[in-house]
């Protein structure tokens, strides 16, 4: 058997590939490569939605600012009782949903400790419109959402 994919996995392999989804993923990747695809002023377009979503989630907005590479760097503090990765991911996906467009990419990474938190999770997010999806011109947003799990 191949390496287990999770605790208790006795199969070691899946049941299919994901080829039916490749074309949609490639469309987003191609749009991401378009010059000037990432929109300006994320503080106007994204911040109000993120702030409102945080009020309903166990997340407190620490700060948010545009980075030199165009990504919107969003820092939040986990305020929930249990800092389990699954429950945090669920809250962050709800936060992302407050600003998501029709096509999205999300990647979770372990973040490095900072002055304000010993540990954190980092979510890299790309969301946008690709050609032909709506009456709007193709555009997108990039975010790095850092979730501080504990205060030092």
C-alpha atoms as a PDB file:
ATOM      1  CA  UNK A   1       0.000   0.000   0.000  1.00  0.00           C
ATOM      2  CA  UNK A   2       1.092   3.562  -0.670  1.00  0.00           C
ATOM      3  CA  UNK A   3       1.610   5.975   2.194  1.00  0.00           C
ATOM      4  CA  UNK A   4      -1.596   6.603   4.145  1.00  0.00           C
ATOM      5  CA  UNK A   5      -3.374   9.852   3.265  1.00  0.00           C
ATOM      6  CA  UNK A   6      -4.840  10.339   6.753  1.00  0.00           C
ATOM      7  CA  UNK A   7      -4.892   8.484  10.051  1.00  0.00           C
ATOM      8  CA  UNK A   8      -6.729   5.219   9.588  1.00  0.00           C
ATOM      9  CA  UNK A   9      -6.458   5.208   5.776  1.00  0.00           C
ATOM     10  CA  UNK A  10      -6.174   1.574   4.720  1.00  0.00           C
ATOM     11  CA  UNK A  11      -6.667   2.157   0.997  1.00  0.00           C
ATOM     12  CA  UNK A  12      -3.740   4.468   0.179  1.00  0.00           C
ATOM     13  CA  UNK A  13      -5.173   5.742  -3.093  1.00  0.00           C
ATOM     14  CA  UNK A  14      -8.127   7.665  -4.418  1.00  0.00           C
ATOM     15  CA  UNK A  15     -10.962   6.750  -6.762  1.00  0.00           C
ATOM     16  CA  UNK A  16     -10.430   9.205  -9.650  1.00  0.00           C
ATOM     17  CA  UNK A  17      -8.457  12.167 -10.939  1.00  0.00           C
ATOM     18  CA  UNK A  18      -9.644  15.781 -11.045  1.00  0.00           C
ATOM     19  CA  UNK A  19      -9.333  16.331 -14.798  1.00  0.00           C
ATOM     20  CA  UNK A  20     -12.902  17.654 -15.207  1.00  0.00           C
ATOM     21  CA  UNK A  21     -11.846  20.689 -13.127  1.00  0.00           C
ATOM     22  CA  UNK A  22      -8.525  21.438 -14.828  1.00  0.00           C
ATOM     23  CA  UNK A  23      -9.878  23.789 -17.526  1.00  0.00           C
ATOM     24  CA  UNK A  24     -11.510  26.072 -14.949  1.00  0.00           C
ATOM     25  CA  UNK A  25      -8.350  26.142 -12.835  1.00  0.00           C
ATOM     26  CA  UNK A  26      -6.230  26.940 -15.894  1.00  0.00           C
ATOM     27  CA  UNK A  27      -8.585  29.803 -16.821  1.00  0.00           C
ATOM     28  CA  UNK A  28      -7.964  31.359 -13.403  1.00  0.00           C
ATOM     29  CA  UNK A  29      -4.205  30.786 -13.649  1.00  0.00           C
ATOM     30  CA  UNK A  30      -4.150  32.395 -17.100  1.00  0.00           C
ATOM     31  CA  UNK A  31      -6.093  35.404 -15.783  1.00  0.00           C
ATOM     32  CA  UNK A  32      -3.664  35.674 -12.846  1.00  0.00           C
ATOM     33  CA  UNK A  33      -0.832  36.082 -15.356  1.00  0.00           C
ATOM     34  CA  UNK A  34      -2.533  39.046 -17.058  1.00  0.00           C
ATOM     35  CA  UNK A  35      -0.788  42.359 -16.388  1.00  0.00           C
ATOM     36  CA  UNK A  36      -2.843  44.740 -14.224  1.00  0.00           C
ATOM     37  CA  UNK A  37      -5.459  42.021 -13.449  1.00  0.00           C
ATOM     38  CA  UNK A  38      -5.287  42.690  -9.684  1.00  0.00           C
ATOM     39  CA  UNK A  39      -7.536  45.607  -8.810  1.00  0.00           C
ATOM     40  CA  UNK A  40      -6.510  48.762  -7.002  1.00  0.00           C
ATOM     41  CA  UNK A  41      -7.707  50.093  -3.628  1.00  0.00           C
ATOM     42  CA  UNK A  42      -8.378  46.867  -1.704  1.00  0.00           C
ATOM     43  CA  UNK A  43      -9.120  49.022   1.352  1.00  0.00           C
ATOM     44  CA  UNK A  44     -12.173  50.372  -0.500  1.00  0.00           C
ATOM     45  CA  UNK A  45     -13.272  47.187  -2.274  1.00  0.00           C
ATOM     46  CA  UNK A  46     -12.440  44.497   0.300  1.00  0.00           C
ATOM     47  CA  UNK A  47     -11.910  45.955   3.771  1.00  0.00           C
ATOM     48  CA  UNK A  48     -15.539  46.869   4.615  1.00  0.00           C
ATOM     49  CA  UNK A  49     -16.685  43.328   3.744  1.00  0.00           C
ATOM     50  CA  UNK A  50     -13.861  41.741   5.725  1.00  0.00           C
ATOM     51  CA  UNK A  51     -14.538  43.914   8.765  1.00  0.00           C
ATOM     52  CA  UNK A  52     -18.236  43.085   8.710  1.00  0.00           C
ATOM     53  CA  UNK A  53     -17.532  39.362   8.355  1.00  0.00           C
ATOM     54  CA  UNK A  54     -15.083  39.436  11.290  1.00  0.00           C
ATOM     55  CA  UNK A  55     -17.809  40.834  13.547  1.00  0.00           C
ATOM     56  CA  UNK A  56     -19.811  37.633  13.038  1.00  0.00           C
ATOM     57  CA  UNK A  57     -16.796  35.290  13.337  1.00  0.00           C
ATOM     58  CA  UNK A  58     -14.337  34.385  16.100  1.00  0.00           C
ATOM     59  CA  UNK A  59     -11.796  36.631  14.365  1.00  0.00           C
ATOM     60  CA  UNK A  60     -10.671  40.127  15.322  1.00  0.00           C
ATOM     61  CA  UNK A  61      -9.129  42.324  12.635  1.00  0.00           C
ATOM     62  CA  UNK A  62      -5.654  43.449  13.676  1.00  0.00           C
ATOM     63  CA  UNK A  63      -4.771  45.346  10.512  1.00  0.00           C
ATOM     64  CA  UNK A  64      -4.817  45.242   6.738  1.00  0.00           C
ATOM     65  CA  UNK A  65      -2.611  46.913   4.159  1.00  0.00           C
ATOM     66  CA  UNK A  66      -1.688  46.625   0.513  1.00  0.00           C
ATOM     67  CA  UNK A  67       1.741  45.146  -0.132  1.00  0.00           C
ATOM     68  CA  UNK A  68       4.194  46.074  -2.870  1.00  0.00           C
ATOM     69  CA  UNK A  69       3.219  42.990  -4.902  1.00  0.00           C
ATOM     70  CA  UNK A  70      -0.454  44.028  -4.911  1.00  0.00           C
ATOM     71  CA  UNK A  71      -1.614  41.493  -2.323  1.00  0.00           C
ATOM     72  CA  UNK A  72      -3.835  42.697   0.492  1.00  0.00           C
ATOM     73  CA  UNK A  73      -2.127  41.639   3.720  1.00  0.00           C
ATOM     74  CA  UNK A  74      -4.850  40.962   6.290  1.00  0.00           C
ATOM     75  CA  UNK A  75      -3.979  40.078   9.884  1.00  0.00           C
ATOM     76  CA  UNK A  76      -6.606  38.698  12.226  1.00  0.00           C
ATOM     77  CA  UNK A  77      -6.528  37.223  15.721  1.00  0.00           C
ATOM     78  CA  UNK A  78      -8.345  33.977  16.498  1.00  0.00           C
ATOM     79  CA  UNK A  79     -10.715  34.710  19.409  1.00  0.00           C
ATOM     80  CA  UNK A  80     -12.508  31.368  19.526  1.00  0.00           C
ATOM     81  CA  UNK A  81     -12.391  28.970  22.435  1.00  0.00           C
ATOM     82  CA  UNK A  82     -10.710  26.097  20.608  1.00  0.00           C
ATOM     83  CA  UNK A  83      -7.866  26.846  18.190  1.00  0.00           C
ATOM     84  CA  UNK A  84      -8.253  23.664  16.127  1.00  0.00           C
ATOM     85  CA  UNK A  85      -7.062  23.985  12.543  1.00  0.00           C
ATOM     86  CA  UNK A  86     -10.371  22.740  11.103  1.00  0.00           C
ATOM     87  CA  UNK A  87     -12.533  25.228  12.974  1.00  0.00           C
ATOM     88  CA  UNK A  88     -10.132  28.073  12.154  1.00  0.00           C
ATOM     89  CA  UNK A  89     -10.128  27.087   8.481  1.00  0.00           C
ATOM     90  CA  UNK A  90     -13.936  27.104   8.486  1.00  0.00           C
ATOM     91  CA  UNK A  91     -14.002  30.648   9.882  1.00  0.00           C
ATOM     92  CA  UNK A  92     -11.359  31.870   7.422  1.00  0.00           C
ATOM     93  CA  UNK A  93     -13.256  30.365   4.484  1.00  0.00           C
ATOM     94  CA  UNK A  94     -16.329  32.267   5.655  1.00  0.00           C
ATOM     95  CA  UNK A  95     -14.190  35.420   5.811  1.00  0.00           C
ATOM     96  CA  UNK A  96     -12.913  34.735   2.284  1.00  0.00           C
ATOM     97  CA  UNK A  97     -16.490  34.190   1.130  1.00  0.00           C
ATOM     98  CA  UNK A  98     -17.283  37.773   2.084  1.00  0.00           C
ATOM     99  CA  UNK A  99     -15.011  39.009  -0.737  1.00  0.00           C
ATOM    100  CA  UNK A 100     -14.851  36.088  -3.159  1.00  0.00           C
ATOM    101  CA  UNK A 101     -15.593  36.383  -6.850  1.00  0.00           C
ATOM    102  CA  UNK A 102     -16.634  33.606  -9.250  1.00  0.00           C
ATOM    103  CA  UNK A 103     -13.213  31.901  -9.471  1.00  0.00           C
ATOM    104  CA  UNK A 104     -10.954  31.360  -6.456  1.00  0.00           C
ATOM    105  CA  UNK A 105      -7.749  29.707  -5.311  1.00  0.00           C
ATOM    106  CA  UNK A 106      -6.986  29.186  -1.614  1.00  0.00           C
ATOM    107  CA  UNK A 107      -3.845  27.707  -0.101  1.00  0.00           C
ATOM    108  CA  UNK A 108      -3.199  27.258   3.612  1.00  0.00           C
ATOM    109  CA  UNK A 109       0.371  27.435   4.872  1.00  0.00           C
ATOM    110  CA  UNK A 110       2.046  27.465   8.241  1.00  0.00           C
ATOM    111  CA  UNK A 111       3.224  30.968   9.015  1.00  0.00           C
ATOM    112  CA  UNK A 112       6.334  32.017  10.876  1.00  0.00           C
ATOM    113  CA  UNK A 113       6.046  33.370  14.425  1.00  0.00           C
ATOM    114  CA  UNK A 114       5.733  37.131  14.717  1.00  0.00           C
ATOM    115  CA  UNK A 115       6.120  39.695  17.477  1.00  0.00           C
ATOM    116  CA  UNK A 116       2.383  39.514  18.159  1.00  0.00           C
ATOM    117  CA  UNK A 117       1.851  35.740  17.931  1.00  0.00           C
ATOM    118  CA  UNK A 118       3.917  32.622  18.607  1.00  0.00           C
ATOM    119  CA  UNK A 119       2.040  30.719  15.906  1.00  0.00           C
ATOM    120  CA  UNK A 120      -0.201  31.541  13.003  1.00  0.00           C
ATOM    121  CA  UNK A 121      -1.829  30.112   9.917  1.00  0.00           C
ATOM    122  CA  UNK A 122      -1.439  31.818   6.560  1.00  0.00           C
ATOM    123  CA  UNK A 123      -4.006  31.647   3.770  1.00  0.00           C
ATOM    124  CA  UNK A 124      -3.012  32.733   0.268  1.00  0.00           C
ATOM    125  CA  UNK A 125      -6.092  33.740  -1.710  1.00  0.00           C
ATOM    126  CA  UNK A 126      -6.703  34.696  -5.315  1.00  0.00           C
ATOM    127  CA  UNK A 127     -10.264  35.456  -6.343  1.00  0.00           C
ATOM    128  CA  UNK A 128     -11.594  37.099  -9.446  1.00  0.00           C
ATOM    129  CA  UNK A 129     -13.489  37.164 -12.697  1.00  0.00           C
ATOM    130  CA  UNK A 130     -12.054  35.547 -15.797  1.00  0.00           C
ATOM    131  CA  UNK A 131     -13.074  36.228 -19.406  1.00  0.00           C
ATOM    132  CA  UNK A 132     -16.710  35.656 -20.242  1.00  0.00           C
ATOM    133  CA  UNK A 133     -18.015  35.078 -16.709  1.00  0.00           C
ATOM    134  CA  UNK A 134     -19.964  38.327 -16.300  1.00  0.00           C
ATOM    135  CA  UNK A 135     -20.558  41.675 -17.944  1.00  0.00           C
ATOM    136  CA  UNK A 136     -17.571  43.079 -16.044  1.00  0.00           C
ATOM    137  CA  UNK A 137     -14.017  43.210 -17.333  1.00  0.00           C
ATOM    138  CA  UNK A 138     -11.748  40.464 -15.996  1.00  0.00           C
ATOM    139  CA  UNK A 139     -10.215  41.466 -12.662  1.00  0.00           C
ATOM    140  CA  UNK A 140      -9.126  39.956  -9.403  1.00  0.00           C
ATOM    141  CA  UNK A 141      -7.867  40.316  -5.860  1.00  0.00           C
ATOM    142  CA  UNK A 142      -4.953  38.708  -4.036  1.00  0.00           C
ATOM    143  CA  UNK A 143      -4.914  38.373  -0.267  1.00  0.00           C
ATOM    144  CA  UNK A 144      -2.648  36.926   2.369  1.00  0.00           C
ATOM    145  CA  UNK A 145      -4.694  36.304   5.484  1.00  0.00           C
ATOM    146  CA  UNK A 146      -2.607  35.634   8.574  1.00  0.00           C
ATOM    147  CA  UNK A 147      -4.456  34.216  11.577  1.00  0.00           C
ATOM    148  CA  UNK A 148      -2.633  34.675  14.881  1.00  0.00           C
ATOM    149  CA  UNK A 149      -3.459  31.714  17.116  1.00  0.00           C
ATOM    150  CA  UNK A 150      -2.011  32.889  20.390  1.00  0.00           C
ATOM    151  CA  UNK A 151      -0.606  36.025  21.860  1.00  0.00           C
ATOM    152  CA  UNK A 152       2.895  36.051  23.227  1.00  0.00           C
END
